[in-house]
Amino acid sequence: MEEHVSHDRPEWTAQPDLASRVFGGTVMWATDELFAEKENLVNPWRPAHRAETFGPKGQVYDGWETRRHREPGDDQALLRLGVAGVVTGVVVDTAFFKGNYPPFVSVEAASVPGYPSAAELSEVDWEPLVDHAPVSGDTENFFEVASSRRFTHVRLTQHPDGGVARLRVHGFPVPDPALLDPRSLDLAALANGGAVTGCSNMFYSSPNNLFSPGLAAHQAEGWETARRRDDGNDWVTVRLAGAGIVRFAEVDTSNLKGNAPGWVSLSGRLDDGDWAPLLPRTRLQPDTRHRYALEDGPQITEARLDIYPDGGLARLRLFGELTKRGREAVTTRFTEANG
């Protein structure tokens, strides 16, 4: 079923949610989760609710909810980001928590290499992103973040207790170059440092979905545009992880059965700003993973996908090789964000 996406939100919410379970984000630990599980904080879908749905511990909530405190103290949840990166904003969503949300919250972040345990993270230095800020119930509470550092973990504190449906940590992924193979990788993947730079239409879903990991489980996990009633076509552009050469493309229309585009083309931006063709206008089939071997082309820094005339795609993969300049850019980005 098609669902309209609201765009009345801060611009930074268009950036990937680094904490999302889509990327492998996880809630490692919480002080308490008696009423509702901590793992709900990183669910990628919108919070849902069915009134008067009671379990043995009370009303069932699609969020994290702690018991009422009778002594001084705060509740905390510790998250490992699915993708490390620079945080530009945080959303503390208290959807459906109306009389049981925390009056104040704090969000802190840390950058720790490797895979530390929750106990080990209690010993590291944490940088405040949101400092004891008031929140409203049944609301997406938006907090812009001004930091250029790369973070791997975040910590949410409720002052003193209550329920939070979701914690969204939006920002720019900054991969560790030591964990990338520059000779063969998906140059457009968000986890590798790709970033959407433009889009003609995202009425039903975000173009970020095109470059997310894994296969789309249903059509809402892809990118879908409104139906066009003119002679134009829809498109999206993505800045690659670094300058590179694309040798293989995958255009996936899985789950798009009555709303897949009829045709697609790909092009790449050259150093002089011009666009060079990578894949000519090519017919697509619904609900199909299309794979195309591309002729060795020039070094490009950005790619453009055109669909004709409109519709939806599940994923776009652009496999290739980082050039020397691309490898240097990835390393510089990582070094500066860890400064």
C-alpha atoms as a PDB file:
ATOM      1  CA  MET A   1       0.000   0.000   0.000  1.00  0.00           C
ATOM      2  CA  GLU A   2       1.322   3.446  -0.916  1.00  0.00           C
ATOM      3  CA  GLU A   3       1.860   5.805   2.018  1.00  0.00           C
ATOM      4  CA  HIS A   4       2.617   9.526   1.841  1.00  0.00           C
ATOM      5  CA  VAL A   5       5.789  10.682   3.601  1.00  0.00           C
ATOM      6  CA  SER A   6       5.586  14.010   5.461  1.00  0.00           C
ATOM      7  CA  HIS A   7       8.309  16.514   4.614  1.00  0.00           C
ATOM      8  CA  ASP A   8       7.540  19.079   7.365  1.00  0.00           C
ATOM      9  CA  ARG A   9      10.695  18.187   9.265  1.00  0.00           C
ATOM     10  CA  PRO A  10      14.207  19.607   9.759  1.00  0.00           C
ATOM     11  CA  GLU A  11      16.447  19.141   6.718  1.00  0.00           C
ATOM     12  CA  TRP A  12      18.918  16.986   8.634  1.00  0.00           C
ATOM     13  CA  THR A  13      16.271  14.285   9.121  1.00  0.00           C
ATOM     14  CA  ALA A  14      16.700  13.467   5.412  1.00  0.00           C
ATOM     15  CA  GLN A  15      20.120  12.072   6.273  1.00  0.00           C
ATOM     16  CA  PRO A  16      20.482   8.385   7.237  1.00  0.00           C
ATOM     17  CA  ASP A  17      19.556   7.199  10.725  1.00  0.00           C
ATOM     18  CA  LEU A  18      22.909   5.843  11.882  1.00  0.00           C
ATOM     19  CA  ALA A  19      21.291   3.973  14.797  1.00  0.00           C
ATOM     20  CA  SER A  20      18.664   2.180  12.721  1.00  0.00           C
ATOM     21  CA  ARG A  21      18.395  -1.564  12.801  1.00  0.00           C
ATOM     22  CA  VAL A  22      18.533  -1.360   8.995  1.00  0.00           C
ATOM     23  CA  PHE A  23      22.280  -0.728   9.378  1.00  0.00           C
ATOM     24  CA  GLY A  24      22.684  -3.164  12.249  1.00  0.00           C
ATOM     25  CA  GLY A  25      22.246  -0.692  15.098  1.00  0.00           C
ATOM     26  CA  THR A  26      21.550  -2.317  18.443  1.00  0.00           C
ATOM     27  CA  VAL A  27      20.606  -1.431  22.012  1.00  0.00           C
ATOM     28  CA  MET A  28      23.350  -3.067  24.042  1.00  0.00           C
ATOM     29  CA  TRP A  29      22.096  -2.394  27.563  1.00  0.00           C
ATOM     30  CA  ALA A  30      19.487  -0.531  29.601  1.00  0.00           C
ATOM     31  CA  THR A  31      18.980   0.088  33.289  1.00  0.00           C
ATOM     32  CA  ASP A  32      15.393  -1.155  33.077  1.00  0.00           C
ATOM     33  CA  GLU A  33      12.843  -2.304  30.477  1.00  0.00           C
ATOM     34  CA  LEU A  34      10.045  -3.682  32.580  1.00  0.00           C
ATOM     35  CA  PHE A  35       7.139  -2.360  30.507  1.00  0.00           C
ATOM     36  CA  ALA A  36       8.582  -2.334  26.977  1.00  0.00           C
ATOM     37  CA  GLU A  37      11.779  -3.636  25.405  1.00  0.00           C
ATOM     38  CA  LYS A  38      14.811  -1.444  24.760  1.00  0.00           C
ATOM     39  CA  GLU A  39      15.302  -2.988  21.296  1.00  0.00           C
ATOM     40  CA  ASN A  40      12.278  -1.059  20.005  1.00  0.00           C
ATOM     41  CA  LEU A  41      14.306   2.163  20.098  1.00  0.00           C
ATOM     42  CA  VAL A  42      16.095   1.304  16.827  1.00  0.00           C
ATOM     43  CA  ASN A  43      13.186  -0.190  14.867  1.00  0.00           C
ATOM     44  CA  PRO A  44      13.181   1.426  11.409  1.00  0.00           C
ATOM     45  CA  TRP A  45       9.403   1.624  11.015  1.00  0.00           C
ATOM     46  CA  ARG A  46       7.143   4.251  12.500  1.00  0.00           C
ATOM     47  CA  PRO A  47       5.885   3.458  16.007  1.00  0.00           C
ATOM     48  CA  ALA A  48       2.531   1.692  16.097  1.00  0.00           C
ATOM     49  CA  HIS A  49      -0.054   1.402  18.837  1.00  0.00           C
ATOM     50  CA  ARG A  50      -3.182  -0.564  19.687  1.00  0.00           C
ATOM     51  CA  ALA A  51      -5.079   0.879  22.612  1.00  0.00           C
ATOM     52  CA  GLU A  52      -6.164  -1.427  25.436  1.00  0.00           C
ATOM     53  CA  THR A  53      -3.744  -4.145  24.405  1.00  0.00           C
ATOM     54  CA  PHE A  54      -2.536  -5.428  27.752  1.00  0.00           C
ATOM     55  CA  GLY A  55       0.085  -8.018  28.580  1.00  0.00           C
ATOM     56  CA  PRO A  56       1.149  -9.335  31.996  1.00  0.00           C
ATOM     57  CA  LYS A  57       3.143  -6.127  32.642  1.00  0.00           C
ATOM     58  CA  GLY A  58       0.605  -3.593  31.351  1.00  0.00           C
ATOM     59  CA  GLN A  59      -0.202  -1.810  28.079  1.00  0.00           C
ATOM     60  CA  VAL A  60       1.938  -3.054  25.203  1.00  0.00           C
ATOM     61  CA  TYR A  61       4.034  -0.250  23.686  1.00  0.00           C
ATOM     62  CA  ASP A  62       6.160  -0.121  20.534  1.00  0.00           C
ATOM     63  CA  GLY A  63       9.003   1.597  22.370  1.00  0.00           C
ATOM     64  CA  TRP A  64      11.205   1.437  25.449  1.00  0.00           C
ATOM     65  CA  GLU A  65       9.456   1.972  28.784  1.00  0.00           C
ATOM     66  CA  THR A  66      10.829   1.704  32.312  1.00  0.00           C
ATOM     67  CA  ARG A  67       9.060   1.292  35.647  1.00  0.00           C
ATOM     68  CA  ARG A  68       8.138   4.298  37.816  1.00  0.00           C
ATOM     69  CA  HIS A  69      10.969   5.389  40.082  1.00  0.00           C
ATOM     70  CA  ARG A  70      10.293   5.595  43.797  1.00  0.00           C
ATOM     71  CA  GLU A  71      13.856   6.642  44.629  1.00  0.00           C
ATOM     72  CA  PRO A  72      16.251   9.146  43.022  1.00  0.00           C
ATOM     73  CA  GLY A  73      17.925   8.036  39.794  1.00  0.00           C
ATOM     74  CA  ASP A  74      17.665   8.088  36.014  1.00  0.00           C
ATOM     75  CA  ASP A  75      17.218   5.412  33.364  1.00  0.00           C
ATOM     76  CA  GLN A  76      19.699   4.887  30.543  1.00  0.00           C
ATOM     77  CA  ALA A  77      19.989   2.925  27.329  1.00  0.00           C
ATOM     78  CA  LEU A  78      23.251   2.309  25.492  1.00  0.00           C
ATOM     79  CA  LEU A  79      23.275   1.986  21.699  1.00  0.00           C
ATOM     80  CA  ARG A  80      25.927   0.901  19.225  1.00  0.00           C
ATOM     81  CA  LEU A  81      25.409   2.715  15.947  1.00  0.00           C
ATOM     82  CA  GLY A  82      24.915   0.516  12.918  1.00  0.00           C
ATOM     83  CA  VAL A  83      27.133   2.910  10.961  1.00  0.00           C
ATOM     84  CA  ALA A  84      29.678   5.163  12.620  1.00  0.00           C
ATOM     85  CA  GLY A  85      29.542   8.763  11.484  1.00  0.00           C
ATOM     86  CA  VAL A  86      29.142  12.476  12.152  1.00  0.00           C
ATOM     87  CA  VAL A  87      25.838  13.223  13.901  1.00  0.00           C
ATOM     88  CA  THR A  88      23.840  16.214  12.661  1.00  0.00           C
ATOM     89  CA  GLY A  89      20.660  15.749  14.658  1.00  0.00           C
ATOM     90  CA  VAL A  90      18.766  13.525  17.083  1.00  0.00           C
ATOM     91  CA  VAL A  91      15.067  12.692  17.234  1.00  0.00           C
ATOM     92  CA  VAL A  92      13.629  11.545  20.552  1.00  0.00           C
ATOM     93  CA  ASP A  93      10.228  10.205  19.520  1.00  0.00           C
ATOM     94  CA  THR A  94       7.717   9.759  22.355  1.00  0.00           C
ATOM     95  CA  ALA A  95       4.901   8.542  20.062  1.00  0.00           C
ATOM     96  CA  PHE A  96       1.883   7.249  22.042  1.00  0.00           C
ATOM     97  CA  PHE A  97       3.565   7.955  25.382  1.00  0.00           C
ATOM     98  CA  LYS A  98       1.170  10.601  26.742  1.00  0.00           C
ATOM     99  CA  GLY A  99       1.203  10.271  30.521  1.00  0.00           C
ATOM    100  CA  ASN A 100       4.346   8.217  30.872  1.00  0.00           C
ATOM    101  CA  TYR A 101       7.074  10.001  28.883  1.00  0.00           C
ATOM    102  CA  PRO A 102      10.212  11.447  30.538  1.00  0.00           C
ATOM    103  CA  PRO A 103      10.047  15.215  31.163  1.00  0.00           C
ATOM    104  CA  PHE A 104      13.745  15.601  30.256  1.00  0.00           C
ATOM    105  CA  VAL A 105      16.310  13.619  28.269  1.00  0.00           C
ATOM    106  CA  SER A 106      20.016  13.690  27.567  1.00  0.00           C
ATOM    107  CA  VAL A 107      21.880  12.131  24.654  1.00  0.00           C
ATOM    108  CA  GLU A 108      25.637  11.573  24.700  1.00  0.00           C
ATOM    109  CA  ALA A 109      28.026  10.047  22.182  1.00  0.00           C
ATOM    110  CA  ALA A 110      31.420   8.360  22.194  1.00  0.00           C
ATOM    111  CA  SER A 111      33.937   7.120  19.654  1.00  0.00           C
ATOM    112  CA  VAL A 112      35.483   3.784  20.550  1.00  0.00           C
ATOM    113  CA  PRO A 113      37.344   1.461  18.155  1.00  0.00           C
ATOM    114  CA  GLY A 114      36.579  -2.224  17.925  1.00  0.00           C
ATOM    115  CA  TYR A 115      33.664  -3.893  19.659  1.00  0.00           C
ATOM    116  CA  PRO A 116      33.636  -2.888  23.346  1.00  0.00           C
ATOM    117  CA  SER A 117      31.162  -4.345  25.810  1.00  0.00           C
ATOM    118  CA  ALA A 118      28.626  -2.262  27.689  1.00  0.00           C
ATOM    119  CA  ALA A 119      30.764  -2.519  30.834  1.00  0.00           C
ATOM    120  CA  GLU A 120      33.835  -1.241  28.981  1.00  0.00           C
ATOM    121  CA  LEU A 121      31.885   1.695  27.590  1.00  0.00           C
ATOM    122  CA  SER A 122      31.048   2.848  31.117  1.00  0.00           C
ATOM    123  CA  GLU A 123      34.714   3.856  31.461  1.00  0.00           C
ATOM    124  CA  VAL A 124      34.998   6.055  28.336  1.00  0.00           C
ATOM    125  CA  ASP A 125      34.480   9.788  27.931  1.00  0.00           C
ATOM    126  CA  TRP A 126      31.072  10.815  26.592  1.00  0.00           C
ATOM    127  CA  GLU A 127      30.355  14.015  24.666  1.00  0.00           C
ATOM    128  CA  PRO A 128      26.957  15.667  25.257  1.00  0.00           C
ATOM    129  CA  LEU A 129      24.788  16.008  22.145  1.00  0.00           C
ATOM    130  CA  VAL A 130      21.544  16.873  23.969  1.00  0.00           C
ATOM    131  CA  ASP A 131      21.981  18.124  27.545  1.00  0.00           C
ATOM    132  CA  HIS A 132      19.040  17.611  29.922  1.00  0.00           C
ATOM    133  CA  ALA A 133      16.525  19.022  27.449  1.00  0.00           C
ATOM    134  CA  PRO A 134      12.724  19.099  27.993  1.00  0.00           C
ATOM    135  CA  VAL A 135      10.592  16.864  25.768  1.00  0.00           C
ATOM    136  CA  SER A 136       6.892  16.607  25.004  1.00  0.00           C
ATOM    137  CA  GLY A 137       4.776  13.481  25.003  1.00  0.00           C
ATOM    138  CA  ASP A 138       3.437  11.753  21.884  1.00  0.00           C
ATOM    139  CA  THR A 139       5.788  13.916  19.780  1.00  0.00           C
ATOM    140  CA  GLU A 140       8.902  13.770  17.649  1.00  0.00           C
ATOM    141  CA  ASN A 141      11.320  15.964  19.614  1.00  0.00           C
ATOM    142  CA  PHE A 142      14.012  17.347  17.278  1.00  0.00           C
ATOM    143  CA  PHE A 143      17.482  18.341  18.471  1.00  0.00           C
ATOM    144  CA  GLU A 144      20.067  19.696  16.050  1.00  0.00           C
ATOM    145  CA  VAL A 145      23.656  18.700  16.833  1.00  0.00           C
ATOM    146  CA  ALA A 146      26.754  20.797  16.141  1.00  0.00           C
ATOM    147  CA  SER A 147      29.713  18.423  16.124  1.00  0.00           C
ATOM    148  CA  SER A 148      32.208  17.370  13.468  1.00  0.00           C
ATOM    149  CA  ARG A 149      33.392  14.251  15.324  1.00  0.00           C
ATOM    150  CA  ARG A 150      32.808  10.668  14.244  1.00  0.00           C
ATOM    151  CA  PHE A 151      30.896   8.606  16.819  1.00  0.00           C
ATOM    152  CA  THR A 152      30.323   4.875  17.221  1.00  0.00           C
ATOM    153  CA  HIS A 153      27.980   4.744  20.249  1.00  0.00           C
ATOM    154  CA  VAL A 154      25.265   6.866  21.859  1.00  0.00           C
ATOM    155  CA  ARG A 155      23.701   6.871  25.310  1.00  0.00           C
ATOM    156  CA  LEU A 156      20.126   7.996  25.992  1.00  0.00           C
ATOM    157  CA  THR A 157      19.186   9.093  29.516  1.00  0.00           C
ATOM    158  CA  GLN A 158      15.628   9.599  30.720  1.00  0.00           C
ATOM    159  CA  HIS A 159      15.290  12.060  33.593  1.00  0.00           C
ATOM    160  CA  PRO A 160      14.052  10.252  35.571  1.00  0.00           C
ATOM    161  CA  ASP A 161      12.047   7.463  33.853  1.00  0.00           C
ATOM    162  CA  GLY A 162       9.252   6.763  31.365  1.00  0.00           C
ATOM    163  CA  GLY A 163       8.843   5.770  27.746  1.00  0.00           C
ATOM    164  CA  VAL A 164      10.557   6.655  24.451  1.00  0.00           C
ATOM    165  CA  ALA A 165       9.357   5.041  21.222  1.00  0.00           C
ATOM    166  CA  ARG A 166      12.367   5.684  18.977  1.00  0.00           C
ATOM    167  CA  LEU A 167      15.797   7.271  19.065  1.00  0.00           C
ATOM    168  CA  ARG A 168      16.864   8.459  15.604  1.00  0.00           C
ATOM    169  CA  VAL A 169      20.496   9.501  15.189  1.00  0.00           C
ATOM    170  CA  HIS A 170      20.796  11.243  11.836  1.00  0.00           C
ATOM    171  CA  GLY A 171      24.097  12.078  10.198  1.00  0.00           C
ATOM    172  CA  PHE A 172      26.784  11.270   7.636  1.00  0.00           C
ATOM    173  CA  PRO A 173      28.389   7.815   7.658  1.00  0.00           C
ATOM    174  CA  VAL A 174      32.183   7.932   7.897  1.00  0.00           C
ATOM    175  CA  PRO A 175      33.641   4.464   7.256  1.00  0.00           C
ATOM    176  CA  ASP A 176      37.035   3.311   8.479  1.00  0.00           C
ATOM    177  CA  PRO A 177      39.219   3.059   5.339  1.00  0.00           C
ATOM    178  CA  ALA A 178      41.055   0.111   6.893  1.00  0.00           C
ATOM    179  CA  LEU A 179      37.802  -1.871   6.620  1.00  0.00           C
ATOM    180  CA  LEU A 180      37.111  -1.049   2.949  1.00  0.00           C
ATOM    181  CA  ASP A 181      38.528  -2.848  -0.070  1.00  0.00           C
ATOM    182  CA  PRO A 182      39.238   0.048  -2.485  1.00  0.00           C
ATOM    183  CA  ARG A 183      39.554  -2.366  -5.413  1.00  0.00           C
ATOM    184  CA  SER A 184      36.005  -3.705  -5.144  1.00  0.00           C
ATOM    185  CA  LEU A 185      33.127  -2.111  -3.261  1.00  0.00           C
ATOM    186  CA  ASP A 186      29.692  -0.583  -3.692  1.00  0.00           C
ATOM    187  CA  LEU A 187      30.665   3.013  -4.360  1.00  0.00           C
ATOM    188  CA  ALA A 188      27.117   4.292  -3.726  1.00  0.00           C
ATOM    189  CA  ALA A 189      26.358   2.475  -0.455  1.00  0.00           C
ATOM    190  CA  LEU A 190      25.572   4.754   2.482  1.00  0.00           C
ATOM    191  CA  ALA A 191      27.655   2.568   4.788  1.00  0.00           C
ATOM    192  CA  ASN A 192      30.677   3.152   2.547  1.00  0.00           C
ATOM    193  CA  GLY A 193      30.256   6.923   2.581  1.00  0.00           C
ATOM    194  CA  GLY A 194      27.820   7.494  -0.291  1.00  0.00           C
ATOM    195  CA  ALA A 195      25.315  10.334   0.131  1.00  0.00           C
ATOM    196  CA  VAL A 196      22.159  11.344  -1.730  1.00  0.00           C
ATOM    197  CA  THR A 197      22.666  14.809  -3.244  1.00  0.00           C
ATOM    198  CA  GLY A 198      19.395  15.368  -5.099  1.00  0.00           C
ATOM    199  CA  CYS A 199      16.035  13.839  -5.930  1.00  0.00           C
ATOM    200  CA  SER A 200      13.131  14.836  -8.148  1.00  0.00           C
ATOM    201  CA  ASN A 201      10.459  13.349  -5.913  1.00  0.00           C
ATOM    202  CA  MET A 202      10.192  11.303  -2.707  1.00  0.00           C
ATOM    203  CA  PHE A 203       6.470  11.401  -2.141  1.00  0.00           C
ATOM    204  CA  TYR A 204       6.187   7.860  -0.776  1.00  0.00           C
ATOM    205  CA  SER A 205       9.658   7.057   0.552  1.00  0.00           C
ATOM    206  CA  SER A 206      13.202   8.311   0.933  1.00  0.00           C
ATOM    207  CA  PRO A 207      15.845   7.852  -1.784  1.00  0.00           C
ATOM    208  CA  ASN A 208      18.248   6.858   1.020  1.00  0.00           C
ATOM    209  CA  ASN A 209      16.506   3.476   0.910  1.00  0.00           C
ATOM    210  CA  LEU A 210      18.072   2.800  -2.495  1.00  0.00           C
ATOM    211  CA  PHE A 211      21.531   2.666  -0.952  1.00  0.00           C
ATOM    212  CA  SER A 212      20.740   0.853   2.299  1.00  0.00           C
ATOM    213  CA  PRO A 213      22.185  -2.594   3.061  1.00  0.00           C
ATOM    214  CA  GLY A 214      20.442  -5.876   2.351  1.00  0.00           C
ATOM    215  CA  LEU A 215      17.381  -6.677   0.295  1.00  0.00           C
ATOM    216  CA  ALA A 216      14.146  -4.721   0.640  1.00  0.00           C
ATOM    217  CA  ALA A 217      11.494  -6.769   2.445  1.00  0.00           C
ATOM    218  CA  HIS A 218       8.587  -4.851   0.868  1.00  0.00           C
ATOM    219  CA  GLN A 219       8.011  -1.861  -1.384  1.00  0.00           C
ATOM    220  CA  ALA A 220       8.083   0.706   1.441  1.00  0.00           C
ATOM    221  CA  GLU A 221      11.754  -0.179   1.996  1.00  0.00           C
ATOM    222  CA  GLY A 222      12.638   1.215  -1.422  1.00  0.00           C
ATOM    223  CA  TRP A 223      12.274   4.615  -3.126  1.00  0.00           C
ATOM    224  CA  GLU A 224       8.950   5.439  -4.762  1.00  0.00           C
ATOM    225  CA  THR A 225       7.735   8.622  -6.453  1.00  0.00           C
ATOM    226  CA  ALA A 226       4.275  10.030  -7.066  1.00  0.00           C
ATOM    227  CA  ARG A 227       2.565   9.307 -10.385  1.00  0.00           C
ATOM    228  CA  ARG A 228       3.649  11.825 -13.004  1.00  0.00           C
ATOM    229  CA  ARG A 229       1.015  13.531 -15.162  1.00  0.00           C
ATOM    230  CA  ASP A 230       3.491  15.346 -17.446  1.00  0.00           C
ATOM    231  CA  ASP A 231       6.189  14.507 -19.993  1.00  0.00           C
ATOM    232  CA  GLY A 232       9.105  14.482 -17.519  1.00  0.00           C
ATOM    233  CA  ASN A 233      10.823  11.711 -15.596  1.00  0.00           C
ATOM    234  CA  ASP A 234      12.089  11.169 -12.057  1.00  0.00           C
ATOM    235  CA  TRP A 235      15.722  10.960 -10.974  1.00  0.00           C
ATOM    236  CA  VAL A 236      18.085  10.767  -8.015  1.00  0.00           C
ATOM    237  CA  THR A 237      21.772  11.669  -7.653  1.00  0.00           C
ATOM    238  CA  VAL A 238      24.282  10.179  -5.222  1.00  0.00           C
ATOM    239  CA  ARG A 239      27.789  11.309  -4.292  1.00  0.00           C
ATOM    240  CA  LEU A 240      30.051   8.285  -4.337  1.00  0.00           C
ATOM    241  CA  ALA A 241      32.155   7.219  -1.368  1.00  0.00           C
ATOM    242  CA  GLY A 242      35.076   8.667  -3.331  1.00  0.00           C
ATOM    243  CA  ALA A 243      36.139   9.234  -6.892  1.00  0.00           C
ATOM    244  CA  GLY A 244      36.022   5.891  -8.646  1.00  0.00           C
ATOM    245  CA  ILE A 245      35.268   3.765 -11.690  1.00  0.00           C
ATOM    246  CA  VAL A 246      31.924   1.926 -11.800  1.00  0.00           C
ATOM    247  CA  ARG A 247      32.122  -1.490 -13.476  1.00  0.00           C
ATOM    248  CA  PHE A 248      28.897  -3.198 -12.442  1.00  0.00           C
ATOM    249  CA  ALA A 249      25.390  -1.935 -11.654  1.00  0.00           C
ATOM    250  CA  GLU A 250      22.420  -3.623 -10.008  1.00  0.00           C
ATOM    251  CA  VAL A 251      18.992  -2.049 -10.457  1.00  0.00           C
ATOM    252  CA  ASP A 252      16.515  -3.850  -8.215  1.00  0.00           C
ATOM    253  CA  THR A 253      12.740  -3.559  -8.649  1.00  0.00           C
ATOM    254  CA  SER A 254      11.944  -6.300  -6.103  1.00  0.00           C
ATOM    255  CA  ASN A 255       8.461  -5.947  -4.573  1.00  0.00           C
ATOM    256  CA  LEU A 256       7.533  -3.238  -7.113  1.00  0.00           C
ATOM    257  CA  LYS A 257       4.990  -5.099  -9.245  1.00  0.00           C
ATOM    258  CA  GLY A 258       2.533  -2.508 -10.509  1.00  0.00           C
ATOM    259  CA  ASN A 259       4.656   0.556  -9.941  1.00  0.00           C
ATOM    260  CA  ALA A 260       8.141  -0.260 -11.267  1.00  0.00           C
ATOM    261  CA  PRO A 261       9.586   2.170 -13.826  1.00  0.00           C
ATOM    262  CA  GLY A 262       9.417   1.180 -17.477  1.00  0.00           C
ATOM    263  CA  TRP A 263      13.016   2.133 -18.211  1.00  0.00           C
ATOM    264  CA  VAL A 264      16.185   3.316 -16.477  1.00  0.00           C
ATOM    265  CA  SER A 265      19.463   5.011 -17.374  1.00  0.00           C
ATOM    266  CA  LEU A 266      22.650   5.794 -15.450  1.00  0.00           C
ATOM    267  CA  SER A 267      25.238   8.521 -15.853  1.00  0.00           C
ATOM    268  CA  GLY A 268      28.299   9.736 -13.955  1.00  0.00           C
ATOM    269  CA  ARG A 269      29.641  13.204 -13.186  1.00  0.00           C
ATOM    270  CA  LEU A 270      33.138  13.945 -14.524  1.00  0.00           C
ATOM    271  CA  ASP A 271      35.724  16.222 -12.951  1.00  0.00           C
ATOM    272  CA  ASP A 272      34.690  19.064 -15.270  1.00  0.00           C
ATOM    273  CA  GLY A 273      31.064  18.801 -14.117  1.00  0.00           C
ATOM    274  CA  ASP A 274      29.712  17.172 -17.282  1.00  0.00           C
ATOM    275  CA  TRP A 275      27.758  13.912 -17.185  1.00  0.00           C
ATOM    276  CA  ALA A 276      28.952  10.794 -19.026  1.00  0.00           C
ATOM    277  CA  PRO A 277      26.622   7.857 -19.853  1.00  0.00           C
ATOM    278  CA  LEU A 278      27.172   4.647 -17.884  1.00  0.00           C
ATOM    279  CA  LEU A 279      24.040   2.714 -18.866  1.00  0.00           C
ATOM    280  CA  PRO A 280      21.828   3.799 -21.784  1.00  0.00           C
ATOM    281  CA  ARG A 281      18.066   3.889 -21.426  1.00  0.00           C
ATOM    282  CA  THR A 282      17.207   0.259 -20.704  1.00  0.00           C
ATOM    283  CA  ARG A 283      13.891  -1.537 -20.229  1.00  0.00           C
ATOM    284  CA  LEU A 284      13.083  -2.865 -16.748  1.00  0.00           C
ATOM    285  CA  GLN A 285      10.905  -5.708 -15.514  1.00  0.00           C
ATOM    286  CA  PRO A 286       8.811  -5.539 -12.321  1.00  0.00           C
ATOM    287  CA  ASP A 287       9.957  -7.407  -9.202  1.00  0.00           C
ATOM    288  CA  THR A 288      13.382  -8.204 -10.671  1.00  0.00           C
ATOM    289  CA  ARG A 289      17.044  -7.750  -9.723  1.00  0.00           C
ATOM    290  CA  HIS A 290      18.651  -6.467 -12.933  1.00  0.00           C
ATOM    291  CA  ARG A 291      22.430  -6.781 -13.206  1.00  0.00           C
ATOM    292  CA  TYR A 292      24.511  -4.960 -15.793  1.00  0.00           C
ATOM    293  CA  ALA A 293      28.218  -5.211 -16.584  1.00  0.00           C
ATOM    294  CA  LEU A 294      29.425  -1.761 -17.616  1.00  0.00           C
ATOM    295  CA  GLU A 295      32.287  -0.914 -19.907  1.00  0.00           C
ATOM    296  CA  ASP A 296      35.248   0.652 -18.123  1.00  0.00           C
ATOM    297  CA  GLY A 297      34.432   4.320 -18.023  1.00  0.00           C
ATOM    298  CA  PRO A 298      36.049   7.476 -16.703  1.00  0.00           C
ATOM    299  CA  GLN A 299      36.642   8.409 -13.090  1.00  0.00           C
ATOM    300  CA  ILE A 300      33.423   9.865 -11.629  1.00  0.00           C
ATOM    301  CA  THR A 301      32.495  11.433  -8.304  1.00  0.00           C
ATOM    302  CA  GLU A 302      28.696  11.339  -8.502  1.00  0.00           C
ATOM    303  CA  ALA A 303      26.109   9.160 -10.221  1.00  0.00           C
ATOM    304  CA  ARG A 304      22.659   9.937 -11.544  1.00  0.00           C
ATOM    305  CA  LEU A 305      19.810   7.449 -11.886  1.00  0.00           C
ATOM    306  CA  ASP A 306      16.954   8.377 -14.232  1.00  0.00           C
ATOM    307  CA  ILE A 307      13.723   6.370 -14.202  1.00  0.00           C
ATOM    308  CA  TYR A 308      11.115   6.681 -16.943  1.00  0.00           C
ATOM    309  CA  PRO A 309       8.644   8.014 -16.299  1.00  0.00           C
ATOM    310  CA  ASP A 310       8.145   7.416 -12.557  1.00  0.00           C
ATOM    311  CA  GLY A 311       7.681   4.596 -10.033  1.00  0.00           C
ATOM    312  CA  GLY A 312       9.819   2.824  -7.505  1.00  0.00           C
ATOM    313  CA  LEU A 313      13.064   0.914  -7.057  1.00  0.00           C
ATOM    314  CA  ALA A 314      14.155  -1.279  -4.174  1.00  0.00           C
ATOM    315  CA  ARG A 315      17.943  -0.850  -4.423  1.00  0.00           C
ATOM    316  CA  LEU A 316      20.702   0.589  -6.596  1.00  0.00           C
ATOM    317  CA  ARG A 317      24.211  -0.872  -6.333  1.00  0.00           C
ATOM    318  CA  LEU A 318      27.221   0.624  -8.145  1.00  0.00           C
ATOM    319  CA  PHE A 319      30.187  -1.703  -7.745  1.00  0.00           C
ATOM    320  CA  GLY A 320      33.631  -0.586  -8.769  1.00  0.00           C
ATOM    321  CA  GLU A 321      37.010   0.671  -7.641  1.00  0.00           C
ATOM    322  CA  LEU A 322      38.172   3.765  -5.794  1.00  0.00           C
ATOM    323  CA  THR A 323      40.855   5.648  -7.677  1.00  0.00           C
ATOM    324  CA  LYS A 324      43.913   7.010  -5.889  1.00  0.00           C
ATOM    325  CA  ARG A 325      42.132  10.334  -5.397  1.00  0.00           C
ATOM    326  CA  GLY A 326      39.072   8.519  -4.079  1.00  0.00           C
ATOM    327  CA  ARG A 327      41.111   6.527  -1.562  1.00  0.00           C
ATOM    328  CA  GLU A 328      42.796   9.701  -0.354  1.00  0.00           C
ATOM    329  CA  ALA A 329      39.427  11.415   0.123  1.00  0.00           C
ATOM    330  CA  VAL A 330      38.065   8.501   2.196  1.00  0.00           C
ATOM    331  CA  THR A 331      41.170   8.527   4.405  1.00  0.00           C
ATOM    332  CA  THR A 332      41.079  12.296   4.862  1.00  0.00           C
ATOM    333  CA  ARG A 333      37.404  12.259   5.830  1.00  0.00           C
ATOM    334  CA  PHE A 334      38.049   9.576   8.445  1.00  0.00           C
ATOM    335  CA  THR A 335      41.122  11.326   9.857  1.00  0.00           C
ATOM    336  CA  GLU A 336      39.417  14.705  10.162  1.00  0.00           C
ATOM    337  CA  ALA A 337      36.328  13.226  11.849  1.00  0.00           C
ATOM    338  CA  ASN A 338      38.521  11.488  14.432  1.00  0.00           C
ATOM    339  CA  GLY A 339      40.525  14.609  15.205  1.00  0.00           C
END
